[in-house]
Amino acid sequence: MEPITHFLTGACIGRAGLNRKTAYATLTAVLAAEAADVDVFWGFAGPVEGLKHHRGITHTFLGAPVVAAACVGAVALLYRWSDARRRKREALHPAEPGAPARERQPVHWAWLYLTALIASLSHLLLDWTNNYGLRPFFPFNPKWYAGSFMFIAEPVLWGVFFLALVIPWLFGLTDREIGARRVKFRGRGWAIFALAAMVVLGGWRWAEHAKGLAMVENTQVANEPVMRVGLEPYPGNPFHWHAILETAKYYQMADVNTRTGDIDSDPHSDVLYKPEDTPAIEAAKRTLLGQVYLDWGTWAVIRDIGQEPVAGLEPPRLPPGRTWTTVEFSDLRFSYPMLGSGHRMGRAPLGGSVYIVDGREEAGEMMGGREQK
């Protein structure tokens, strides 16, 4: 999922009751809920390196306890810094004799680590629900797992989390205006409500996803035997799905509505014939881009599109007698208008390209509009 959902999930985990066990619980949960995405810094080494390492070791059951410990360590440094400042301030401005001591919630490090671990595991769970997937058992098992029933950005969840975090704050403002007694831990019920709503929404989408797969598998959408079927989500609407069907010769797309039971597919415009294999394609598979993309791309399609320059990547300059071609990588999981209502195929947002010289040599790689140096 995108960072907003992870951050808000962490905030609700902290406020659901763990903040009553220890100080800094909510802060720790927010940090740990998003910390796994620190692997995006691999993108500085290039877009292909970024794809290779994204959702890598920090998104595993082996890495989650380490990520949680790192977050607790960061909070410990903050605690020591703030405690030192407090002591210095009290030394400069000692309290008047007889003045009531300010109540401070103690830090219980075991509870804080448990909070961080729960939030860190929530990141893995949320990332599994969408169609990008993750490798939770890496490095022992490099297989990608993807639930594919939640869109990477779910506006319904944003609305629920907004209510859970803002309404208690508004109630607090009202209480202060009327002079009511301040509630120390406000918003626990709303936080639990938001987390429960997230589980209910995920369960509902999972059920609709299973229903959609059954509809496609039990309907003759393609004119040839189907080898496998994929179902990809749209945001906001749990009844709307994008289907991919693979036959021996082509891929066929379809629009699926699990509420009405309709499956819409045009055998002319929604069919992509499998590209013919060429020496350039075989060479491209051996490049860094090819190896990384084929490891991740569950529905990868590789096409030799000839001497077609890629925007932002200068074509190779060759002496007479030598030729080059462009090999394009795309994944059908993302080659549909995700924010629209149609299912016509378009250019995939997570695609890549590589120049191949003389059908065997790599001469430049690009992905996501950035060149891999």
Protein backbone atom coordinates (compact mmCIF):
# COMPACT_ATOMS: atom_id res chain seq x y z
CA MET A 1 0.00 0.00 0.00
CA GLU A 2 1.03 3.64 -0.33
CA PRO A 3 2.58 5.45 2.68
CA ILE A 4 -0.58 7.26 3.83
CA THR A 5 -2.39 4.00 4.60
CA HIS A 6 0.63 2.59 6.42
CA PHE A 7 1.09 5.73 8.55
CA LEU A 8 -2.61 5.90 9.46
CA THR A 9 -2.72 2.19 10.27
CA GLY A 10 0.22 2.66 12.62
CA ALA A 11 -1.48 5.59 14.33
CA CYS A 12 -4.61 3.52 14.94
CA ILE A 13 -2.57 0.56 16.21
CA GLY A 14 -0.92 2.83 18.76
CA ARG A 15 -4.17 4.47 19.84
CA ALA A 16 -6.14 1.23 20.03
CA GLY A 17 -4.84 0.62 23.55
CA LEU A 18 -1.09 0.19 23.35
CA ASN A 19 -0.62 3.88 24.19
CA ARG A 20 -2.07 3.06 27.61
CA LYS A 21 0.73 0.57 28.25
CA THR A 22 3.72 2.79 27.49
CA ALA A 23 4.71 6.27 26.44
CA TYR A 24 5.68 6.81 22.78
CA ALA A 25 3.49 3.90 21.63
CA THR A 26 1.70 5.82 18.90
CA LEU A 27 4.90 7.42 17.59
CA THR A 28 6.64 4.04 17.53
CA ALA A 29 3.72 2.38 15.75
CA VAL A 30 3.59 5.11 13.09
CA LEU A 31 7.32 4.78 12.40
CA ALA A 32 7.30 0.98 12.34
CA ALA A 33 4.21 0.80 10.14
CA GLU A 34 6.08 2.57 7.31
CA ALA A 35 9.73 1.78 8.07
CA ALA A 36 9.87 -1.26 5.77
CA ASP A 37 9.72 1.09 2.79
CA VAL A 38 13.19 2.38 3.62
CA ASP A 39 14.25 0.07 0.79
CA VAL A 40 13.09 2.74 -1.68
CA PHE A 41 16.52 4.33 -1.18
CA TRP A 42 17.86 1.60 -3.44
CA GLY A 43 16.32 3.70 -6.19
CA PHE A 44 19.32 6.04 -5.94
CA ALA A 45 21.35 3.21 -7.48
CA GLY A 46 19.01 3.21 -10.46
CA PRO A 47 15.42 2.19 -11.25
CA VAL A 48 16.26 -1.43 -11.97
CA GLU A 49 18.19 -1.75 -8.70
CA GLY A 50 15.18 -0.12 -7.03
CA LEU A 51 12.83 -2.76 -8.47
CA LYS A 52 15.24 -5.52 -7.51
CA HIS A 53 15.38 -4.55 -3.84
CA HIS A 54 11.93 -3.01 -3.29
CA ARG A 55 9.86 -5.20 -0.98
CA GLY A 56 12.98 -7.19 -0.27
CA ILE A 57 14.47 -8.12 3.11
CA THR A 58 12.64 -5.36 5.02
CA HIS A 59 9.34 -6.84 3.82
CA THR A 60 9.95 -10.32 5.24
CA PHE A 61 9.16 -12.20 8.43
CA LEU A 62 12.90 -12.34 9.02
CA GLY A 63 13.33 -8.59 8.61
CA ALA A 64 10.23 -7.39 10.48
CA PRO A 65 11.68 -7.95 13.99
CA VAL A 66 14.85 -6.09 12.96
CA VAL A 67 12.83 -3.21 11.51
CA ALA A 68 10.83 -3.06 14.76
CA ALA A 69 14.03 -2.99 16.83
CA ALA A 70 15.45 -0.18 14.69
CA CYS A 71 12.31 1.90 15.25
CA VAL A 72 12.46 1.33 19.00
CA GLY A 73 16.13 2.35 18.90
CA ALA A 74 15.23 5.60 17.13
CA VAL A 75 12.56 6.32 19.73
CA ALA A 76 15.04 5.52 22.50
CA LEU A 77 17.38 8.18 21.15
CA LEU A 78 14.51 10.65 21.05
CA TYR A 79 13.57 9.70 24.62
CA ARG A 80 17.12 10.24 25.90
CA TRP A 81 17.36 13.59 24.12
CA SER A 82 14.00 14.84 25.42
CA ASP A 83 14.75 13.54 28.94
CA ALA A 84 18.08 15.36 28.97
CA ARG A 85 16.36 18.57 27.89
CA ARG A 86 13.74 18.15 30.60
CA ARG A 87 16.37 17.64 33.30
CA LYS A 88 18.29 20.68 32.12
CA ARG A 89 15.12 22.77 32.11
CA GLU A 90 14.18 21.62 35.62
CA ALA A 91 17.69 22.43 36.87
CA LEU A 92 17.46 25.96 35.49
CA HIS A 93 13.87 26.50 36.63
CA PRO A 94 13.18 24.31 39.68
CA ALA A 95 9.58 23.80 40.70
CA GLU A 96 8.25 25.80 43.62
CA PRO A 97 8.09 23.95 46.94
CA GLY A 98 4.76 22.17 47.36
CA ALA A 99 3.87 22.42 43.68
CA PRO A 100 2.31 19.19 42.33
CA ALA A 101 4.70 17.13 40.25
CA ARG A 102 3.80 16.80 36.59
CA GLU A 103 2.57 13.30 35.85
CA ARG A 104 4.64 11.56 33.16
CA GLN A 105 3.73 8.26 31.56
CA PRO A 106 6.61 5.80 31.92
CA VAL A 107 8.27 4.04 29.01
CA HIS A 108 8.00 0.23 29.07
CA TRP A 109 10.45 -0.98 26.45
CA ALA A 110 9.00 -4.49 26.11
CA TRP A 111 5.58 -3.03 25.34
CA LEU A 112 7.17 -0.54 22.97
CA TYR A 113 8.92 -3.32 21.04
CA LEU A 114 5.70 -5.34 20.86
CA THR A 115 3.96 -2.27 19.48
CA ALA A 116 6.66 -1.81 16.85
CA LEU A 117 6.55 -5.49 15.87
CA ILE A 118 2.76 -5.45 15.42
CA ALA A 119 2.98 -2.30 13.30
CA SER A 120 5.85 -3.73 11.24
CA LEU A 121 3.88 -6.91 10.52
CA SER A 122 0.86 -4.79 9.54
CA HIS A 123 2.99 -3.38 6.72
CA LEU A 124 3.59 -6.88 5.34
CA LEU A 125 -0.09 -7.77 5.60
CA LEU A 126 -1.24 -4.63 3.79
CA ASP A 127 1.34 -4.99 1.03
CA TRP A 128 0.29 -8.60 0.46
CA THR A 129 -3.30 -7.55 -0.20
CA ASN A 130 -2.50 -5.68 -3.44
CA ASN A 131 -1.31 -7.03 -6.76
CA TYR A 132 2.33 -5.86 -6.57
CA GLY A 133 2.98 -8.53 -3.94
CA LEU A 134 5.91 -9.26 -1.65
CA ARG A 135 8.32 -12.07 -0.69
CA PRO A 136 7.64 -12.69 3.02
CA PHE A 137 9.88 -15.79 3.25
CA PHE A 138 12.89 -14.27 1.43
CA PRO A 139 15.78 -15.19 1.33
CA PHE A 140 14.79 -18.82 2.05
CA ASN A 141 11.94 -18.72 -0.45
CA PRO A 142 12.12 -16.05 -3.21
CA LYS A 143 8.53 -16.59 -4.39
CA TRP A 144 6.28 -13.54 -4.70
CA TYR A 145 2.85 -13.67 -3.01
CA ALA A 146 0.02 -11.27 -3.84
CA GLY A 147 -3.58 -11.23 -2.65
CA SER A 148 -4.59 -8.89 -5.50
CA PHE A 149 -7.89 -7.92 -3.85
CA MET A 150 -6.99 -4.42 -2.60
CA PHE A 151 -5.92 -1.52 -4.78
CA ILE A 152 -2.61 0.05 -3.78
CA ALA A 153 -4.46 3.26 -2.78
CA GLU A 154 -7.90 2.69 -1.24
CA PRO A 155 -9.93 5.91 -0.69
CA VAL A 156 -12.46 4.09 1.51
CA LEU A 157 -9.70 3.36 4.02
CA TRP A 158 -8.56 6.98 3.95
CA GLY A 159 -12.06 8.09 4.88
CA VAL A 160 -12.33 5.62 7.76
CA PHE A 161 -8.92 6.54 9.16
CA PHE A 162 -9.70 10.24 8.83
CA LEU A 163 -12.81 9.82 10.96
CA ALA A 164 -10.99 7.69 13.53
CA LEU A 165 -8.21 10.23 14.07
CA VAL A 166 -10.01 13.56 13.58
CA ILE A 167 -13.27 13.03 15.47
CA PRO A 168 -11.56 12.43 18.86
CA TRP A 169 -9.54 15.59 18.30
CA LEU A 170 -12.73 17.55 17.60
CA PHE A 171 -14.33 16.12 20.75
CA GLY A 172 -11.27 17.27 22.67
CA LEU A 173 -11.70 20.82 21.40
CA THR A 174 -15.35 20.78 22.46
CA ASP A 175 -14.48 19.51 25.94
CA ARG A 176 -11.93 22.28 26.46
CA GLU A 177 -14.46 24.92 25.41
CA ILE A 178 -17.02 23.76 27.97
CA GLY A 179 -14.42 23.10 30.68
CA ALA A 180 -14.93 19.34 30.83
CA ARG A 181 -12.33 17.12 32.46
CA ARG A 182 -9.57 16.22 30.03
CA VAL A 183 -9.57 12.60 28.86
CA LYS A 184 -6.03 11.22 28.96
CA PHE A 185 -6.34 8.56 26.25
CA ARG A 186 -8.96 9.72 23.79
CA GLY A 187 -9.91 7.89 20.60
CA ARG A 188 -9.40 4.24 21.54
CA GLY A 189 -12.85 3.19 20.37
CA TRP A 190 -12.51 5.04 17.07
CA ALA A 191 -9.07 3.50 16.44
CA ILE A 192 -10.43 -0.01 17.06
CA PHE A 193 -13.37 0.81 14.78
CA ALA A 194 -11.00 1.87 11.97
CA LEU A 195 -8.86 -1.26 12.26
CA ALA A 196 -11.98 -3.46 12.34
CA ALA A 197 -13.38 -1.63 9.30
CA MET A 198 -10.11 -2.28 7.45
CA VAL A 199 -10.40 -6.00 8.19
CA VAL A 200 -14.06 -6.06 7.11
CA LEU A 201 -13.27 -4.19 3.87
CA GLY A 202 -10.38 -6.55 3.14
CA GLY A 203 -12.55 -9.59 3.80
CA TRP A 204 -15.32 -8.21 1.59
CA ARG A 205 -12.89 -7.51 -1.25
CA TRP A 206 -11.28 -10.94 -0.84
CA ALA A 207 -14.70 -12.59 -1.17
CA GLU A 208 -15.57 -10.51 -4.26
CA HIS A 209 -12.19 -11.35 -5.76
CA ALA A 210 -12.82 -15.07 -5.29
CA LYS A 211 -16.30 -14.65 -6.77
CA GLY A 212 -14.89 -12.81 -9.79
CA LEU A 213 -12.28 -15.50 -10.42
CA ALA A 214 -14.97 -18.19 -10.29
CA MET A 215 -17.12 -16.20 -12.74
CA VAL A 216 -14.28 -15.92 -15.26
CA GLU A 217 -13.18 -19.53 -14.87
CA ASN A 218 -16.74 -20.79 -15.38
CA THR A 219 -17.46 -18.57 -18.39
CA GLN A 220 -16.10 -19.10 -21.91
CA VAL A 221 -14.51 -15.68 -22.37
CA ALA A 222 -11.71 -16.79 -24.71
CA ASN A 223 -12.14 -18.97 -27.80
CA GLU A 224 -9.24 -21.21 -26.77
CA PRO A 225 -8.47 -23.22 -23.62
CA VAL A 226 -7.38 -20.90 -20.81
CA MET A 227 -4.09 -21.74 -19.07
CA ARG A 228 -4.43 -19.30 -16.15
CA VAL A 229 -6.50 -16.35 -14.96
CA GLY A 230 -5.64 -13.20 -13.02
CA LEU A 231 -8.01 -10.66 -11.47
CA GLU A 232 -6.79 -7.15 -10.67
CA PRO A 233 -8.58 -4.55 -8.48
CA TYR A 234 -9.93 -1.07 -9.11
CA PRO A 235 -9.97 1.51 -6.30
CA GLY A 236 -13.14 2.27 -4.38
CA ASN A 237 -15.43 -0.26 -6.05
CA PRO A 238 -15.21 -3.82 -4.65
CA PHE A 239 -17.42 -5.12 -7.48
CA HIS A 240 -15.23 -3.90 -10.38
CA TRP A 241 -12.29 -6.05 -11.52
CA HIS A 242 -9.90 -6.34 -14.46
CA ALA A 243 -9.43 -9.92 -15.66
CA ILE A 244 -6.46 -11.36 -17.56
CA LEU A 245 -6.77 -14.71 -19.31
CA GLU A 246 -3.82 -16.52 -20.86
CA THR A 247 -4.14 -19.02 -23.68
CA ALA A 248 -1.40 -20.73 -25.69
CA LYS A 249 -1.45 -17.95 -28.32
CA TYR A 250 -2.67 -14.76 -26.66
CA TYR A 251 -3.79 -12.84 -23.58
CA GLN A 252 -7.36 -11.63 -23.35
CA MET A 253 -8.63 -8.87 -21.06
CA ALA A 254 -12.11 -8.54 -19.61
CA ASP A 255 -14.10 -6.22 -17.37
CA VAL A 256 -15.80 -8.09 -14.51
CA ASN A 257 -18.70 -6.85 -12.38
CA THR A 258 -19.36 -9.22 -9.49
CA ARG A 259 -22.53 -7.35 -8.47
CA THR A 260 -24.33 -7.75 -11.81
CA GLY A 261 -22.50 -10.87 -12.97
CA ASP A 262 -21.42 -9.19 -16.23
CA ILE A 263 -18.17 -10.01 -18.03
CA ASP A 264 -17.31 -7.58 -20.84
CA SER A 265 -14.58 -8.44 -23.35
CA ASP A 266 -14.07 -7.52 -26.99
CA PRO A 267 -12.21 -10.32 -28.86
CA HIS A 268 -10.77 -7.70 -31.24
CA SER A 269 -9.56 -4.83 -29.05
CA ASP A 270 -8.96 -6.74 -25.81
CA VAL A 271 -6.66 -9.45 -27.16
CA LEU A 272 -2.86 -9.27 -27.07
CA TYR A 273 -1.14 -11.97 -29.12
CA LYS A 274 2.02 -13.34 -27.58
CA PRO A 275 5.08 -11.75 -29.17
CA GLU A 276 7.34 -13.88 -31.34
CA ASP A 277 10.61 -14.80 -29.66
CA THR A 278 13.75 -13.25 -31.20
CA PRO A 279 17.50 -13.35 -30.45
CA ALA A 280 17.17 -9.78 -29.12
CA ILE A 281 14.48 -10.87 -26.64
CA GLU A 282 16.65 -13.76 -25.42
CA ALA A 283 19.56 -11.36 -24.98
CA ALA A 284 17.33 -8.87 -23.14
CA LYS A 285 16.25 -11.57 -20.69
CA ARG A 286 19.89 -11.97 -19.64
CA THR A 287 20.36 -8.27 -18.82
CA LEU A 288 19.95 -6.90 -15.31
CA LEU A 289 16.54 -5.50 -16.26
CA GLY A 290 15.48 -8.82 -17.77
CA GLN A 291 16.51 -10.92 -14.79
CA VAL A 292 14.93 -8.58 -12.24
CA TYR A 293 11.75 -8.05 -14.25
CA LEU A 294 11.14 -11.73 -14.94
CA ASP A 295 11.66 -12.54 -11.26
CA TRP A 296 8.99 -10.01 -10.27
CA GLY A 297 6.68 -9.84 -13.31
CA THR A 298 3.97 -12.43 -12.78
CA TRP A 299 2.33 -11.41 -16.06
CA ALA A 300 5.43 -10.12 -17.85
CA VAL A 301 5.27 -9.55 -21.61
CA ILE A 302 8.49 -8.98 -23.59
CA ARG A 303 8.31 -7.47 -27.08
CA ASP A 304 10.93 -6.71 -29.72
CA ILE A 305 9.58 -3.43 -31.12
CA GLY A 306 12.39 -2.75 -33.58
CA GLN A 307 14.42 0.44 -33.89
CA GLU A 308 12.11 2.58 -31.79
CA PRO A 309 13.99 5.06 -29.56
CA VAL A 310 12.95 5.30 -25.92
CA ALA A 311 12.27 8.79 -24.56
CA GLY A 312 15.16 9.83 -22.33
CA LEU A 313 17.51 7.05 -23.47
CA GLU A 314 19.81 7.86 -26.37
CA PRO A 315 19.93 5.10 -29.00
CA PRO A 316 23.32 3.46 -29.57
CA ARG A 317 25.59 4.98 -32.22
CA LEU A 318 26.97 2.15 -34.29
CA PRO A 319 29.35 1.79 -37.24
CA PRO A 320 27.96 0.60 -40.57
CA GLY A 321 26.99 -3.04 -40.64
CA ARG A 322 25.73 -3.18 -37.06
CA THR A 323 22.09 -2.88 -35.95
CA TRP A 324 20.16 -2.27 -32.76
CA THR A 325 16.62 -2.92 -31.58
CA THR A 326 14.47 -2.01 -28.59
CA VAL A 327 13.07 -4.71 -26.32
CA GLU A 328 10.15 -3.60 -24.15
CA PHE A 329 9.14 -5.16 -20.83
CA SER A 330 5.64 -4.73 -19.37
CA ASP A 331 3.41 -6.49 -16.85
CA LEU A 332 -0.26 -7.01 -17.66
CA ARG A 333 -1.18 -6.56 -13.99
CA PHE A 334 -0.69 -2.83 -14.47
CA SER A 335 -1.50 -2.28 -18.15
CA TYR A 336 -5.11 -1.18 -17.67
CA PRO A 337 -6.64 2.23 -16.82
CA MET A 338 -6.78 1.66 -13.07
CA LEU A 339 -8.60 4.91 -12.31
CA GLY A 340 -11.00 4.66 -15.23
CA SER A 341 -13.95 2.48 -16.05
CA GLY A 342 -12.70 0.80 -19.19
CA HIS A 343 -10.35 -2.13 -19.68
CA ARG A 344 -8.58 -1.19 -22.89
CA MET A 345 -4.91 -1.99 -22.80
CA GLY A 346 -2.37 0.81 -22.47
CA ARG A 347 1.31 1.34 -21.69
CA ALA A 348 2.18 -0.17 -18.32
CA PRO A 349 3.39 2.30 -15.68
CA LEU A 350 5.98 -0.20 -14.39
CA GLY A 351 7.46 -1.04 -17.77
CA GLY A 352 11.09 -1.00 -18.89
CA SER A 353 13.14 -1.00 -22.07
CA VAL A 354 16.59 -2.14 -23.15
CA TYR A 355 18.58 -1.56 -26.36
CA ILE A 356 20.08 -4.73 -27.83
CA VAL A 357 22.90 -4.52 -30.40
CA ASP A 358 23.27 -7.21 -33.07
CA GLY A 359 20.79 -9.39 -31.22
CA ARG A 360 23.20 -10.14 -28.37
CA GLU A 361 24.70 -7.05 -26.64
CA GLU A 362 22.97 -4.71 -24.18
CA ALA A 363 23.48 -0.99 -24.88
CA GLY A 364 21.30 0.83 -22.35
CA GLU A 365 18.44 0.14 -19.92
CA MET A 366 15.59 2.33 -18.76
CA MET A 367 12.65 1.89 -16.43
CA GLY A 368 10.03 4.34 -15.24
CA GLY A 369 11.53 7.17 -17.30
CA ARG A 370 14.97 6.78 -15.66
CA GLU A 371 18.12 5.28 -17.12
CA GLN A 372 19.93 2.52 -15.27
CA LYS A 373 23.58 3.59 -15.19
